[in-house]
Amino acid sequence: MKEQEKISYYAVIPANVRYDAELPPNAKLLYGEITALSSQSGYCWASNEYFANLYSCSKQSVSNWIAKLRERGYITIEYSCNDSSKRQIKVVECSPNEILRDSGTIDETNLRLDIQTLKKEFEKLWELYPRK
């Protein structure tokens, strides 16, 4: 692919995608490319052929990676009503807590304990506050 045809936007691959053991490494790279292409219009319009040429692989490989990203809930795909060959690939947004929880860095049990501890500490502080 010619150098001037390559997109120069930043790619973003959040932790939940990077550490997903169910995703092949190239699907993670493709996810980053989709985020880069989505930065201008909010969705990615590129075809499987475009990605195959970009990464020097088969269209079937690209199709498999897209299917896996969709299956894992990282992207959605919408087709045009007038032309089913035109598609929009959209990145599914998630909160930082979902990213951390999915990547295994937050233990749900500890999270609940921390919230309970915070509530108790707040109650102690609230008792000391003179103007409720």
Foldseek 3Di string as FASTA:
>chain_A
DDPVVDQDFWFDQFQLLVQPPQADPVLSVVNRVQRRCCPPPQWHFDALVVVCVVVVHDSVVSVVSVVSCVVVPQWDKDADPVDRRTITIHGDDDDPVVSCVSNPNDDPVVVVVVVVVVVVVVVVVVVVDDPD
